[in-house]
Structure formats: structure tokens, C-alpha cells
Amino acid sequence: MDDWSDLQPVNAGYDSVSAGLEMSLTIERDAVVCHLSGEVDMANASALPPALLPAVCFGDGSAVIDIGGVEFFDSNFLRAVLVCERRLALEGIDLRVRNAGPRARRLFTITHLDRLLE
């Protein structure tokens, strides 16, 4: 079996700015990672699924949304995460959310979405 542990993240060629939200995609080992920064709200949350879903191919290990750079999000972001989770689940792909701060963790817990947190 090959040892892939020395592989570095690769930029997947997607960088976007959508009304206060910056997104970029990278490939890390067995996951497509969507890095978010800025604010995620009603004006831009709907940009997440069309950015992430086409980048994840059937058979990929998982998808990750990294929210370490997110300063604010509302319920529209949580809805976008659920849309991504449900569509990816149809293909057998897991979705995780990483780098959630204390406030984000609390909101994910209150809404019973903490199962998605890394």
C-alpha cells in the first residue's frame, strides 16, 4: 500500500469572493476542503453549495468546511451546510466542519448539528 502521508494540500483552482465571504478550495489527503472567511449570511450563504458540491467527486473520502476565518454566520449558513451534507450523503461522502470557535460550537450544539464538527 502507498504511504500518502507526505502529500501537501493542493489548491483546487477555486477562489471566490461573494458579498463579504471569501472561499477557496484545497485538496488535503482524502478530503476536499472549503476554506471560508469573512461573514456568511443571507446575502452569500447560498454560494456555498455550488462552490463545494461540484468539487467533491464520487468516491472521495470526505468534504470539510473550514470556518476558522469566519467572523459571523447566521441560520442561512447552517441551512447551506445542511444542503451540502444531504447532497453529499446521497453519494456516500461525509461532511465535516472544522475550526469552529466557541460561539460556532454553541450554535452547532443548539441546532443539533454538532455531529458535523471535527
PDB file of N, CA and C in Angstrom:
ATOM      1  N   MET A   1       0.850  -1.177   0.000  1.00  0.00           N
ATOM      2  CA  MET A   1       0.000   0.000   0.000  1.00  0.00           C
ATOM      3  C   MET A   1       0.896   1.242   0.000  1.00  0.00           C
ATOM      4  N   ASP A   2       0.514   2.274  -0.744  1.00  0.00           N
ATOM      5  CA  ASP A   2       1.265   3.520  -0.797  1.00  0.00           C
ATOM      6  C   ASP A   2       1.070   4.319   0.476  1.00  0.00           C
ATOM      7  N   ASP A   3       2.129   5.027   0.852  1.00  0.00           N
ATOM      8  CA  ASP A   3       2.044   5.922   2.002  1.00  0.00           C
ATOM      9  C   ASP A   3       1.867   7.340   1.473  1.00  0.00           C
ATOM     10  N   TRP A   4       0.708   7.921   1.709  1.00  0.00           N
ATOM     11  CA  TRP A   4       0.373   9.237   1.195  1.00  0.00           C
ATOM     12  C   TRP A   4       0.565  10.323   2.241  1.00  0.00           C
ATOM     13  N   SER A   5       1.175   9.992   3.373  1.00  0.00           N
ATOM     14  CA  SER A   5       1.262  10.930   4.486  1.00  0.00           C
ATOM     15  C   SER A   5       2.113  12.160   4.186  1.00  0.00           C
ATOM     16  N   ASP A   6       2.973  12.103   3.175  1.00  0.00           N
ATOM     17  CA  ASP A   6       3.835  13.239   2.888  1.00  0.00           C
ATOM     18  C   ASP A   6       3.214  14.222   1.891  1.00  0.00           C
ATOM     19  N   LEU A   7       2.012  13.961   1.447  1.00  0.00           N
ATOM     20  CA  LEU A   7       1.371  14.854   0.482  1.00  0.00           C
ATOM     21  C   LEU A   7       0.982  16.177   1.127  1.00  0.00           C
ATOM     22  N   GLN A   8       1.162  17.239   0.402  1.00  0.00           N
ATOM     23  CA  GLN A   8       0.806  18.575   0.858  1.00  0.00           C
ATOM     24  C   GLN A   8      -0.527  18.983   0.245  1.00  0.00           C
ATOM     25  N   PRO A   9      -1.257  19.924   0.895  1.00  0.00           N
ATOM     26  CA  PRO A   9      -2.512  20.411   0.315  1.00  0.00           C
ATOM     27  C   PRO A   9      -2.285  20.981  -1.079  1.00  0.00           C
ATOM     28  N   VAL A  10      -3.259  20.774  -1.939  1.00  0.00           N
ATOM     29  CA  VAL A  10      -3.202  21.253  -3.318  1.00  0.00           C
ATOM     30  C   VAL A  10      -4.347  22.214  -3.544  1.00  0.00           C
ATOM     31  N   ASN A  11      -4.084  23.342  -4.163  1.00  0.00           N
ATOM     32  CA  ASN A  11      -5.145  24.283  -4.493  1.00  0.00           C
ATOM     33  C   ASN A  11      -5.960  23.699  -5.639  1.00  0.00           C
ATOM     34  N   ALA A  12      -7.260  23.606  -5.453  1.00  0.00           N
ATOM     35  CA  ALA A  12      -8.131  23.005  -6.458  1.00  0.00           C
ATOM     36  C   ALA A  12      -8.538  23.984  -7.541  1.00  0.00           C
ATOM     37  N   GLY A  13      -8.032  25.199  -7.483  1.00  0.00           N
ATOM     38  CA  GLY A  13      -8.308  26.140  -8.558  1.00  0.00           C
ATOM     39  C   GLY A  13      -9.573  26.942  -8.388  1.00  0.00           C
ATOM     40  N   TYR A  14     -10.126  26.978  -7.205  1.00  0.00           N
ATOM     41  CA  TYR A  14     -11.343  27.752  -6.983  1.00  0.00           C
ATOM     42  C   TYR A  14     -11.088  28.777  -5.909  1.00  0.00           C
ATOM     43  N   ASP A  15     -11.219  30.018  -6.262  1.00  0.00           N
ATOM     44  CA  ASP A  15     -11.157  31.106  -5.300  1.00  0.00           C
ATOM     45  C   ASP A  15     -12.290  32.042  -5.653  1.00  0.00           C
ATOM     46  N   SER A  16     -13.058  32.443  -4.653  1.00  0.00           N
ATOM     47  CA  SER A  16     -14.211  33.287  -4.937  1.00  0.00           C
ATOM     48  C   SER A  16     -14.456  34.251  -3.788  1.00  0.00           C
ATOM     49  N   VAL A  17     -14.985  35.394  -4.143  1.00  0.00           N
ATOM     50  CA  VAL A  17     -15.438  36.359  -3.153  1.00  0.00           C
ATOM     51  C   VAL A  17     -16.906  36.621  -3.460  1.00  0.00           C
ATOM     52  N   SER A  18     -17.755  36.476  -2.463  1.00  0.00           N
ATOM     53  CA  SER A  18     -19.187  36.660  -2.663  1.00  0.00           C
ATOM     54  C   SER A  18     -19.754  37.511  -1.532  1.00  0.00           C
ATOM     55  N   ALA A  19     -19.913  38.806  -1.771  1.00  0.00           N
ATOM     56  CA  ALA A  19     -20.553  39.720  -0.816  1.00  0.00           C
ATOM     57  C   ALA A  19     -20.070  39.529   0.620  1.00  0.00           C
ATOM     58  N   GLY A  20     -18.777  39.742   0.854  1.00  0.00           N
ATOM     59  CA  GLY A  20     -18.246  39.649   2.212  1.00  0.00           C
ATOM     60  C   GLY A  20     -17.769  38.275   2.622  1.00  0.00           C
ATOM     61  N   LEU A  21     -17.894  37.299   1.740  1.00  0.00           N
ATOM     62  CA  LEU A  21     -17.467  35.934   2.027  1.00  0.00           C
ATOM     63  C   LEU A  21     -16.391  35.542   1.032  1.00  0.00           C
ATOM     64  N   GLU A  22     -15.269  35.064   1.547  1.00  0.00           N
ATOM     65  CA  GLU A  22     -14.212  34.548   0.685  1.00  0.00           C
ATOM     66  C   GLU A  22     -14.171  33.037   0.823  1.00  0.00           C
ATOM     67  N   MET A  23     -14.051  32.351  -0.315  1.00  0.00           N
ATOM     68  CA  MET A  23     -13.994  30.892  -0.330  1.00  0.00           C
ATOM     69  C   MET A  23     -12.833  30.442  -1.189  1.00  0.00           C
ATOM     70  N   SER A  24     -12.169  29.393  -0.748  1.00  0.00           N
ATOM     71  CA  SER A  24     -11.174  28.735  -1.585  1.00  0.00           C
ATOM     72  C   SER A  24     -11.235  27.241  -1.291  1.00  0.00           C
ATOM     73  N   LEU A  25     -10.901  26.448  -2.283  1.00  0.00           N
ATOM     74  CA  LEU A  25     -10.926  25.000  -2.152  1.00  0.00           C
ATOM     75  C   LEU A  25      -9.516  24.452  -2.239  1.00  0.00           C
ATOM     76  N   THR A  26      -9.223  23.495  -1.388  1.00  0.00           N
ATOM     77  CA  THR A  26      -7.969  22.758  -1.460  1.00  0.00           C
ATOM     78  C   THR A  26      -8.285  21.275  -1.321  1.00  0.00           C
ATOM     79  N   ILE A  27      -7.332  20.460  -1.714  1.00  0.00           N
ATOM     80  CA  ILE A  27      -7.451  19.018  -1.526  1.00  0.00           C
ATOM     81  C   ILE A  27      -6.401  18.616  -0.506  1.00  0.00           C
ATOM     82  N   GLU A  28      -6.849  18.003   0.565  1.00  0.00           N
ATOM     83  CA  GLU A  28      -5.964  17.557   1.636  1.00  0.00           C
ATOM     84  C   GLU A  28      -6.158  16.071   1.851  1.00  0.00           C
ATOM     85  N   ARG A  29      -5.170  15.302   1.493  1.00  0.00           N
ATOM     86  CA  ARG A  29      -5.204  13.847   1.604  1.00  0.00           C
ATOM     87  C   ARG A  29      -6.482  13.278   0.998  1.00  0.00           C
ATOM     88  N   ASP A  30      -7.450  12.894   1.809  1.00  0.00           N
ATOM     89  CA  ASP A  30      -8.659  12.266   1.278  1.00  0.00           C
ATOM     90  C   ASP A  30      -9.880  13.175   1.373  1.00  0.00           C
ATOM     91  N   ALA A  31      -9.672  14.502   1.453  1.00  0.00           N
ATOM     92  CA  ALA A  31     -10.810  15.415   1.622  1.00  0.00           C
ATOM     93  C   ALA A  31     -10.673  16.653   0.739  1.00  0.00           C
ATOM     94  N   VAL A  32     -11.802  17.112   0.253  1.00  0.00           N
ATOM     95  CA  VAL A  32     -11.885  18.423  -0.373  1.00  0.00           C
ATOM     96  C   VAL A  32     -12.247  19.395   0.740  1.00  0.00           C
ATOM     97  N   VAL A  33     -11.464  20.459   0.892  1.00  0.00           N
ATOM     98  CA  VAL A  33     -11.666  21.408   1.984  1.00  0.00           C
ATOM     99  C   VAL A  33     -12.063  22.758   1.404  1.00  0.00           C
ATOM    100  N   CYS A  34     -13.168  23.273   1.883  1.00  0.00           N
ATOM    101  CA  CYS A  34     -13.646  24.597   1.504  1.00  0.00           C
ATOM    102  C   CYS A  34     -13.318  25.541   2.657  1.00  0.00           C
ATOM    103  N   HIS A  35     -12.384  26.453   2.422  1.00  0.00           N
ATOM    104  CA  HIS A  35     -11.956  27.421   3.436  1.00  0.00           C
ATOM    105  C   HIS A  35     -12.817  28.673   3.295  1.00  0.00           C
ATOM    106  N   LEU A  36     -13.467  29.059   4.377  1.00  0.00           N
ATOM    107  CA  LEU A  36     -14.312  30.243   4.373  1.00  0.00           C
ATOM    108  C   LEU A  36     -13.711  31.318   5.276  1.00  0.00           C
ATOM    109  N   SER A  37     -13.878  32.568   4.875  1.00  0.00           N
ATOM    110  CA  SER A  37     -13.502  33.674   5.746  1.00  0.00           C
ATOM    111  C   SER A  37     -14.420  34.850   5.468  1.00  0.00           C
ATOM    112  N   GLY A  38     -14.598  35.673   6.494  1.00  0.00           N
ATOM    113  CA  GLY A  38     -15.496  36.818   6.387  1.00  0.00           C
ATOM    114  C   GLY A  38     -16.802  36.534   7.095  1.00  0.00           C
ATOM    115  N   GLU A  39     -17.882  37.000   6.495  1.00  0.00           N
ATOM    116  CA  GLU A  39     -19.218  36.821   7.072  1.00  0.00           C
ATOM    117  C   GLU A  39     -20.069  35.966   6.141  1.00  0.00           C
ATOM    118  N   VAL A  40     -20.829  35.036   6.751  1.00  0.00           N
ATOM    119  CA  VAL A  40     -21.728  34.177   5.984  1.00  0.00           C
ATOM    120  C   VAL A  40     -23.139  34.487   6.443  1.00  0.00           C
ATOM    121  N   ASP A  41     -23.936  35.033   5.540  1.00  0.00           N
ATOM    122  CA  ASP A  41     -25.292  35.443   5.915  1.00  0.00           C
ATOM    123  C   ASP A  41     -26.241  35.267   4.735  1.00  0.00           C
ATOM    124  N   MET A  42     -27.395  35.878   4.835  1.00  0.00           N
ATOM    125  CA  MET A  42     -28.434  35.740   3.819  1.00  0.00           C
ATOM    126  C   MET A  42     -27.936  36.151   2.429  1.00  0.00           C
ATOM    127  N   ALA A  43     -27.045  37.120   2.365  1.00  0.00           N
ATOM    128  CA  ALA A  43     -26.586  37.640   1.086  1.00  0.00           C
ATOM    129  C   ALA A  43     -25.656  36.691   0.343  1.00  0.00           C
ATOM    130  N   ASN A  44     -24.996  35.761   1.057  1.00  0.00           N
ATOM    131  CA  ASN A  44     -23.986  34.962   0.373  1.00  0.00           C
ATOM    132  C   ASN A  44     -23.949  33.475   0.724  1.00  0.00           C
ATOM    133  N   ALA A  45     -24.706  33.040   1.707  1.00  0.00           N
ATOM    134  CA  ALA A  45     -24.653  31.631   2.136  1.00  0.00           C
ATOM    135  C   ALA A  45     -25.010  30.676   1.009  1.00  0.00           C
ATOM    136  N   SER A  46     -25.883  31.097   0.116  1.00  0.00           N
ATOM    137  CA  SER A  46     -26.302  30.213  -0.978  1.00  0.00           C
ATOM    138  C   SER A  46     -25.174  29.939  -1.970  1.00  0.00           C
ATOM    139  N   ALA A  47     -24.049  30.659  -1.868  1.00  0.00           N
ATOM    140  CA  ALA A  47     -22.905  30.410  -2.742  1.00  0.00           C
ATOM    141  C   ALA A  47     -22.115  29.173  -2.328  1.00  0.00           C
ATOM    142  N   LEU A  48     -22.315  28.703  -1.110  1.00  0.00           N
ATOM    143  CA  LEU A  48     -21.533  27.565  -0.616  1.00  0.00           C
ATOM    144  C   LEU A  48     -21.805  26.259  -1.366  1.00  0.00           C
ATOM    145  N   PRO A  49     -23.049  25.791  -1.473  1.00  0.00           N
ATOM    146  CA  PRO A  49     -23.260  24.513  -2.171  1.00  0.00           C
ATOM    147  C   PRO A  49     -22.748  24.489  -3.610  1.00  0.00           C
ATOM    148  N   PRO A  50     -23.014  25.523  -4.446  1.00  0.00           N
ATOM    149  CA  PRO A  50     -22.490  25.448  -5.812  1.00  0.00           C
ATOM    150  C   PRO A  50     -20.965  25.492  -5.896  1.00  0.00           C
ATOM    151  N   ALA A  51     -20.307  26.012  -4.870  1.00  0.00           N
ATOM    152  CA  ALA A  51     -18.849  26.023  -4.852  1.00  0.00           C
ATOM    153  C   ALA A  51     -18.288  24.677  -4.418  1.00  0.00           C
ATOM    154  N   LEU A  52     -18.871  24.095  -3.376  1.00  0.00           N
ATOM    155  CA  LEU A  52     -18.326  22.870  -2.793  1.00  0.00           C
ATOM    156  C   LEU A  52     -18.754  21.605  -3.526  1.00  0.00           C
ATOM    157  N   LEU A  53     -20.030  21.471  -3.820  1.00  0.00           N
ATOM    158  CA  LEU A  53     -20.546  20.200  -4.325  1.00  0.00           C
ATOM    159  C   LEU A  53     -19.889  19.729  -5.624  1.00  0.00           C
ATOM    160  N   PRO A  54     -19.686  20.565  -6.633  1.00  0.00           N
ATOM    161  CA  PRO A  54     -19.052  20.063  -7.856  1.00  0.00           C
ATOM    162  C   PRO A  54     -17.592  19.654  -7.668  1.00  0.00           C
ATOM    163  N   ALA A  55     -16.949  20.149  -6.620  1.00  0.00           N
ATOM    164  CA  ALA A  55     -15.541  19.832  -6.381  1.00  0.00           C
ATOM    165  C   ALA A  55     -15.355  18.462  -5.747  1.00  0.00           C
ATOM    166  N   VAL A  56     -16.408  17.909  -5.179  1.00  0.00           N
ATOM    167  CA  VAL A  56     -16.325  16.622  -4.495  1.00  0.00           C
ATOM    168  C   VAL A  56     -16.821  15.545  -5.449  1.00  0.00           C
ATOM    169  N   CYS A  57     -15.932  14.642  -5.805  1.00  0.00           N
ATOM    170  CA  CYS A  57     -16.284  13.578  -6.749  1.00  0.00           C
ATOM    171  C   CYS A  57     -16.716  12.328  -5.999  1.00  0.00           C
ATOM    172  N   PHE A  58     -17.566  11.558  -6.624  1.00  0.00           N
ATOM    173  CA  PHE A  58     -17.976  10.294  -6.033  1.00  0.00           C
ATOM    174  C   PHE A  58     -16.736   9.474  -5.726  1.00  0.00           C
ATOM    175  N   GLY A  59     -16.675   8.945  -4.529  1.00  0.00           N
ATOM    176  CA  GLY A  59     -15.545   8.135  -4.120  1.00  0.00           C
ATOM    177  C   GLY A  59     -14.522   8.893  -3.295  1.00  0.00           C
ATOM    178  N   ASP A  60     -14.614  10.220  -3.279  1.00  0.00           N
ATOM    179  CA  ASP A  60     -13.716  10.978  -2.415  1.00  0.00           C
ATOM    180  C   ASP A  60     -14.034  10.616  -0.973  1.00  0.00           C
ATOM    181  N   GLY A  61     -13.044  10.694  -0.114  1.00  0.00           N
ATOM    182  CA  GLY A  61     -13.245  10.307   1.273  1.00  0.00           C
ATOM    183  C   GLY A  61     -14.230  11.177   2.010  1.00  0.00           C
ATOM    184  N   SER A  62     -14.053  12.486   1.917  1.00  0.00           N
ATOM    185  CA  SER A  62     -14.922  13.374   2.664  1.00  0.00           C
ATOM    186  C   SER A  62     -14.788  14.798   2.145  1.00  0.00           C
ATOM    187  N   ALA A  63     -15.635  15.641   2.685  1.00  0.00           N
ATOM    188  CA  ALA A  63     -15.590  17.071   2.404  1.00  0.00           C
ATOM    189  C   ALA A  63     -15.538  17.781   3.747  1.00  0.00           C
ATOM    190  N   VAL A  64     -14.824  18.887   3.778  1.00  0.00           N
ATOM    191  CA  VAL A  64     -14.649  19.644   5.020  1.00  0.00           C
ATOM    192  C   VAL A  64     -14.920  21.105   4.727  1.00  0.00           C
ATOM    193  N   ILE A  65     -15.665  21.744   5.626  1.00  0.00           N
ATOM    194  CA  ILE A  65     -15.840  23.189   5.564  1.00  0.00           C
ATOM    195  C   ILE A  65     -15.058  23.762   6.738  1.00  0.00           C
ATOM    196  N   ASP A  66     -14.036  24.550   6.414  1.00  0.00           N
ATOM    197  CA  ASP A  66     -13.180  25.148   7.437  1.00  0.00           C
ATOM    198  C   ASP A  66     -13.691  26.556   7.717  1.00  0.00           C
ATOM    199  N   ILE A  67     -14.186  26.774   8.946  1.00  0.00           N
ATOM    200  CA  ILE A  67     -14.767  28.073   9.281  1.00  0.00           C
ATOM    201  C   ILE A  67     -13.879  28.876  10.227  1.00  0.00           C
ATOM    202  N   GLY A  68     -12.603  28.544  10.264  1.00  0.00           N
ATOM    203  CA  GLY A  68     -11.676  29.240  11.146  1.00  0.00           C
ATOM    204  C   GLY A  68     -11.585  30.735  10.874  1.00  0.00           C
ATOM    205  N   GLY A  69     -11.813  31.155   9.642  1.00  0.00           N
ATOM    206  CA  GLY A  69     -11.733  32.564   9.287  1.00  0.00           C
ATOM    207  C   GLY A  69     -13.071  33.274   9.250  1.00  0.00           C
ATOM    208  N   VAL A  70     -14.133  32.587   9.668  1.00  0.00           N
ATOM    209  CA  VAL A  70     -15.477  33.187   9.632  1.00  0.00           C
ATOM    210  C   VAL A  70     -15.689  34.027  10.886  1.00  0.00           C
ATOM    211  N   GLU A  71     -16.038  35.280  10.668  1.00  0.00           N
ATOM    212  CA  GLU A  71     -16.267  36.203  11.780  1.00  0.00           C
ATOM    213  C   GLU A  71     -17.719  36.197  12.253  1.00  0.00           C
ATOM    214  N   PHE A  72     -18.636  35.858  11.345  1.00  0.00           N
ATOM    215  CA  PHE A  72     -20.067  35.868  11.661  1.00  0.00           C
ATOM    216  C   PHE A  72     -20.766  34.914  10.716  1.00  0.00           C
ATOM    217  N   PHE A  73     -21.762  34.187  11.254  1.00  0.00           N
ATOM    218  CA  PHE A  73     -22.683  33.448  10.383  1.00  0.00           C
ATOM    219  C   PHE A  73     -24.039  33.408  11.029  1.00  0.00           C
ATOM    220  N   ASP A  74     -25.057  33.235  10.184  1.00  0.00           N
ATOM    221  CA  ASP A  74     -26.427  33.158  10.690  1.00  0.00           C
ATOM    222  C   ASP A  74     -27.046  31.835  10.256  1.00  0.00           C
ATOM    223  N   SER A  75     -28.333  31.715  10.435  1.00  0.00           N
ATOM    224  CA  SER A  75     -29.036  30.463  10.126  1.00  0.00           C
ATOM    225  C   SER A  75     -28.959  30.104   8.646  1.00  0.00           C
ATOM    226  N   ASN A  76     -28.724  31.068   7.784  1.00  0.00           N
ATOM    227  CA  ASN A  76     -28.587  30.767   6.358  1.00  0.00           C
ATOM    228  C   ASN A  76     -27.345  29.915   6.096  1.00  0.00           C
ATOM    229  N   PHE A  77     -26.308  30.139   6.854  1.00  0.00           N
ATOM    230  CA  PHE A  77     -25.112  29.301   6.736  1.00  0.00           C
ATOM    231  C   PHE A  77     -25.423  27.878   7.193  1.00  0.00           C
ATOM    232  N   LEU A  78     -26.110  27.741   8.307  1.00  0.00           N
ATOM    233  CA  LEU A  78     -26.465  26.402   8.793  1.00  0.00           C
ATOM    234  C   LEU A  78     -27.308  25.664   7.765  1.00  0.00           C
ATOM    235  N   ARG A  79     -28.214  26.368   7.117  1.00  0.00           N
ATOM    236  CA  ARG A  79     -29.024  25.759   6.056  1.00  0.00           C
ATOM    237  C   ARG A  79     -28.146  25.304   4.896  1.00  0.00           C
ATOM    238  N   ALA A  80     -27.190  26.140   4.488  1.00  0.00           N
ATOM    239  CA  ALA A  80     -26.287  25.782   3.395  1.00  0.00           C
ATOM    240  C   ALA A  80     -25.457  24.547   3.753  1.00  0.00           C
ATOM    241  N   VAL A  81     -25.022  24.452   5.004  1.00  0.00           N
ATOM    242  CA  VAL A  81     -24.274  23.278   5.456  1.00  0.00           C
ATOM    243  C   VAL A  81     -25.150  22.034   5.361  1.00  0.00           C
ATOM    244  N   LEU A  82     -26.412  22.143   5.774  1.00  0.00           N
ATOM    245  CA  LEU A  82     -27.325  21.000   5.690  1.00  0.00           C
ATOM    246  C   LEU A  82     -27.581  20.578   4.247  1.00  0.00           C
ATOM    247  N   VAL A  83     -27.716  21.546   3.352  1.00  0.00           N
ATOM    248  CA  VAL A  83     -27.889  21.228   1.929  1.00  0.00           C
ATOM    249  C   VAL A  83     -26.685  20.431   1.435  1.00  0.00           C
ATOM    250  N   CYS A  84     -25.492  20.905   1.766  1.00  0.00           N
ATOM    251  CA  CYS A  84     -24.278  20.195   1.360  1.00  0.00           C
ATOM    252  C   CYS A  84     -24.226  18.799   1.974  1.00  0.00           C
ATOM    253  N   GLU A  85     -24.523  18.706   3.267  1.00  0.00           N
ATOM    254  CA  GLU A  85     -24.467  17.401   3.930  1.00  0.00           C
ATOM    255  C   GLU A  85     -25.412  16.398   3.274  1.00  0.00           C
ATOM    256  N   ARG A  86     -26.623  16.811   3.015  1.00  0.00           N
ATOM    257  CA  ARG A  86     -27.622  15.886   2.455  1.00  0.00           C
ATOM    258  C   ARG A  86     -27.273  15.463   1.037  1.00  0.00           C
ATOM    259  N   ARG A  87     -26.806  16.397   0.220  1.00  0.00           N
ATOM    260  CA  ARG A  87     -26.441  16.043  -1.159  1.00  0.00           C
ATOM    261  C   ARG A  87     -25.220  15.131  -1.191  1.00  0.00           C
ATOM    262  N   LEU A  88     -24.238  15.410  -0.342  1.00  0.00           N
ATOM    263  CA  LEU A  88     -23.046  14.569  -0.307  1.00  0.00           C
ATOM    264  C   LEU A  88     -23.361  13.189   0.254  1.00  0.00           C
ATOM    265  N   ALA A  89     -24.256  13.123   1.234  1.00  0.00           N
ATOM    266  CA  ALA A  89     -24.633  11.835   1.828  1.00  0.00           C
ATOM    267  C   ALA A  89     -25.238  10.908   0.783  1.00  0.00           C
ATOM    268  N   LEU A  90     -25.937  11.464  -0.191  1.00  0.00           N
ATOM    269  CA  LEU A  90     -26.504  10.649  -1.269  1.00  0.00           C
ATOM    270  C   LEU A  90     -25.419   9.922  -2.061  1.00  0.00           C
ATOM    271  N   GLU A  91     -24.225  10.497  -2.077  1.00  0.00           N
ATOM    272  CA  GLU A  91     -23.083   9.902  -2.779  1.00  0.00           C
ATOM    273  C   GLU A  91     -22.174   9.116  -1.834  1.00  0.00           C
ATOM    274  N   GLY A  92     -22.564   9.027  -0.559  1.00  0.00           N
ATOM    275  CA  GLY A  92     -21.761   8.302   0.411  1.00  0.00           C
ATOM    276  C   GLY A  92     -20.558   9.073   0.915  1.00  0.00           C
ATOM    277  N   ILE A  93     -20.614  10.394   0.824  1.00  0.00           N
ATOM    278  CA  ILE A  93     -19.500  11.241   1.235  1.00  0.00           C
ATOM    279  C   ILE A  93     -19.863  11.969   2.520  1.00  0.00           C
ATOM    280  N   ASP A  94     -18.964  11.917   3.487  1.00  0.00           N
ATOM    281  CA  ASP A  94     -19.175  12.586   4.770  1.00  0.00           C
ATOM    282  C   ASP A  94     -18.772  14.051   4.683  1.00  0.00           C
ATOM    283  N   LEU A  95     -19.487  14.895   5.413  1.00  0.00           N
ATOM    284  CA  LEU A  95     -19.156  16.305   5.524  1.00  0.00           C
ATOM    285  C   LEU A  95     -18.815  16.609   6.969  1.00  0.00           C
ATOM    286  N   ARG A  96     -17.734  17.352   7.161  1.00  0.00           N
ATOM    287  CA  ARG A  96     -17.321  17.775   8.491  1.00  0.00           C
ATOM    288  C   ARG A  96     -17.099  19.281   8.470  1.00  0.00           C
ATOM    289  N   VAL A  97     -17.218  19.906   9.638  1.00  0.00           N
ATOM    290  CA  VAL A  97     -16.937  21.329   9.801  1.00  0.00           C
ATOM    291  C   VAL A  97     -15.781  21.442  10.786  1.00  0.00           C
ATOM    292  N   ARG A  98     -14.752  22.164  10.384  1.00  0.00           N
ATOM    293  CA  ARG A  98     -13.567  22.267  11.241  1.00  0.00           C
ATOM    294  C   ARG A  98     -13.294  23.708  11.660  1.00  0.00           C
ATOM    295  N   ASN A  99     -12.524  23.818  12.720  1.00  0.00           N
ATOM    296  CA  ASN A  99     -12.068  25.107  13.260  1.00  0.00           C
ATOM    297  C   ASN A  99     -13.213  25.997  13.732  1.00  0.00           C
ATOM    298  N   ALA A 100     -14.214  25.387  14.328  1.00  0.00           N
ATOM    299  CA  ALA A 100     -15.326  26.152  14.897  1.00  0.00           C
ATOM    300  C   ALA A 100     -14.902  26.700  16.255  1.00  0.00           C
ATOM    301  N   GLY A 101     -15.064  27.997  16.436  1.00  0.00           N
ATOM    302  CA  GLY A 101     -14.770  28.619  17.718  1.00  0.00           C
ATOM    303  C   GLY A 101     -15.876  28.334  18.721  1.00  0.00           C
ATOM    304  N   PRO A 102     -15.746  28.841  19.935  1.00  0.00           N
ATOM    305  CA  PRO A 102     -16.723  28.566  20.985  1.00  0.00           C
ATOM    306  C   PRO A 102     -18.156  28.983  20.620  1.00  0.00           C
ATOM    307  N   ARG A 103     -18.323  30.155  20.023  1.00  0.00           N
ATOM    308  CA  ARG A 103     -19.675  30.603  19.640  1.00  0.00           C
ATOM    309  C   ARG A 103     -20.268  29.703  18.570  1.00  0.00           C
ATOM    310  N   ALA A 104     -19.460  29.362  17.564  1.00  0.00           N
ATOM    311  CA  ALA A 104     -19.932  28.487  16.497  1.00  0.00           C
ATOM    312  C   ALA A 104     -20.277  27.111  17.060  1.00  0.00           C
ATOM    313  N   ARG A 105     -19.431  26.584  17.934  1.00  0.00           N
ATOM    314  CA  ARG A 105     -19.711  25.274  18.545  1.00  0.00           C
ATOM    315  C   ARG A 105     -21.038  25.303  19.298  1.00  0.00           C
ATOM    316  N   ARG A 106     -21.282  26.389  19.995  1.00  0.00           N
ATOM    317  CA  ARG A 106     -22.537  26.506  20.749  1.00  0.00           C
ATOM    318  C   ARG A 106     -23.740  26.480  19.812  1.00  0.00           C
ATOM    319  N   LEU A 107     -23.667  27.223  18.704  1.00  0.00           N
ATOM    320  CA  LEU A 107     -24.783  27.237  17.752  1.00  0.00           C
ATOM    321  C   LEU A 107     -24.971  25.879  17.085  1.00  0.00           C
ATOM    322  N   PHE A 108     -23.872  25.210  16.765  1.00  0.00           N
ATOM    323  CA  PHE A 108     -23.985  23.872  16.183  1.00  0.00           C
ATOM    324  C   PHE A 108     -24.600  22.908  17.201  1.00  0.00           C
ATOM    325  N   THR A 109     -24.276  23.059  18.477  1.00  0.00           N
ATOM    326  CA  THR A 109     -24.836  22.205  19.517  1.00  0.00           C
ATOM    327  C   THR A 109     -26.323  22.478  19.713  1.00  0.00           C
ATOM    328  N   ILE A 110     -26.687  23.746  19.798  1.00  0.00           N
ATOM    329  CA  ILE A 110     -28.095  24.119  19.997  1.00  0.00           C
ATOM    330  C   ILE A 110     -28.965  23.591  18.868  1.00  0.00           C
ATOM    331  N   THR A 111     -28.439  23.608  17.655  1.00  0.00           N
ATOM    332  CA  THR A 111     -29.215  23.173  16.487  1.00  0.00           C
ATOM    333  C   THR A 111     -29.029  21.685  16.181  1.00  0.00           C
ATOM    334  N   HIS A 112     -28.366  20.971  17.068  1.00  0.00           N
ATOM    335  CA  HIS A 112     -28.114  19.526  16.920  1.00  0.00           C
ATOM    336  C   HIS A 112     -27.301  19.188  15.682  1.00  0.00           C
ATOM    337  N   LEU A 113     -26.439  20.115  15.289  1.00  0.00           N
ATOM    338  CA  LEU A 113     -25.546  19.869  14.159  1.00  0.00           C
ATOM    339  C   LEU A 113     -24.116  19.616  14.625  1.00  0.00           C
ATOM    340  N   ASP A 114     -23.928  19.475  15.922  1.00  0.00           N
ATOM    341  CA  ASP A 114     -22.583  19.253  16.453  1.00  0.00           C
ATOM    342  C   ASP A 114     -21.977  17.938  15.974  1.00  0.00           C
ATOM    343  N   ARG A 115     -22.781  17.059  15.434  1.00  0.00           N
ATOM    344  CA  ARG A 115     -22.265  15.801  14.882  1.00  0.00           C
ATOM    345  C   ARG A 115     -21.346  16.057  13.690  1.00  0.00           C
ATOM    346  N   LEU A 116     -21.454  17.250  13.096  1.00  0.00           N
ATOM    347  CA  LEU A 116     -20.628  17.592  11.933  1.00  0.00           C
ATOM    348  C   LEU A 116     -19.277  18.173  12.308  1.00  0.00           C
ATOM    349  N   LEU A 117     -19.103  18.532  13.571  1.00  0.00           N
ATOM    350  CA  LEU A 117     -17.876  19.212  13.988  1.00  0.00           C
ATOM    351  C   LEU A 117     -16.716  18.247  14.149  1.00  0.00           C
ATOM    352  N   GLU A 118     -15.536  18.701  13.736  1.00  0.00           N
ATOM    353  CA  GLU A 118     -14.304  17.929  13.960  1.00  0.00           C
ATOM    354  C   GLU A 118     -13.767  18.264  15.330  1.00  0.00           C
TER     355      GLU A 118
END
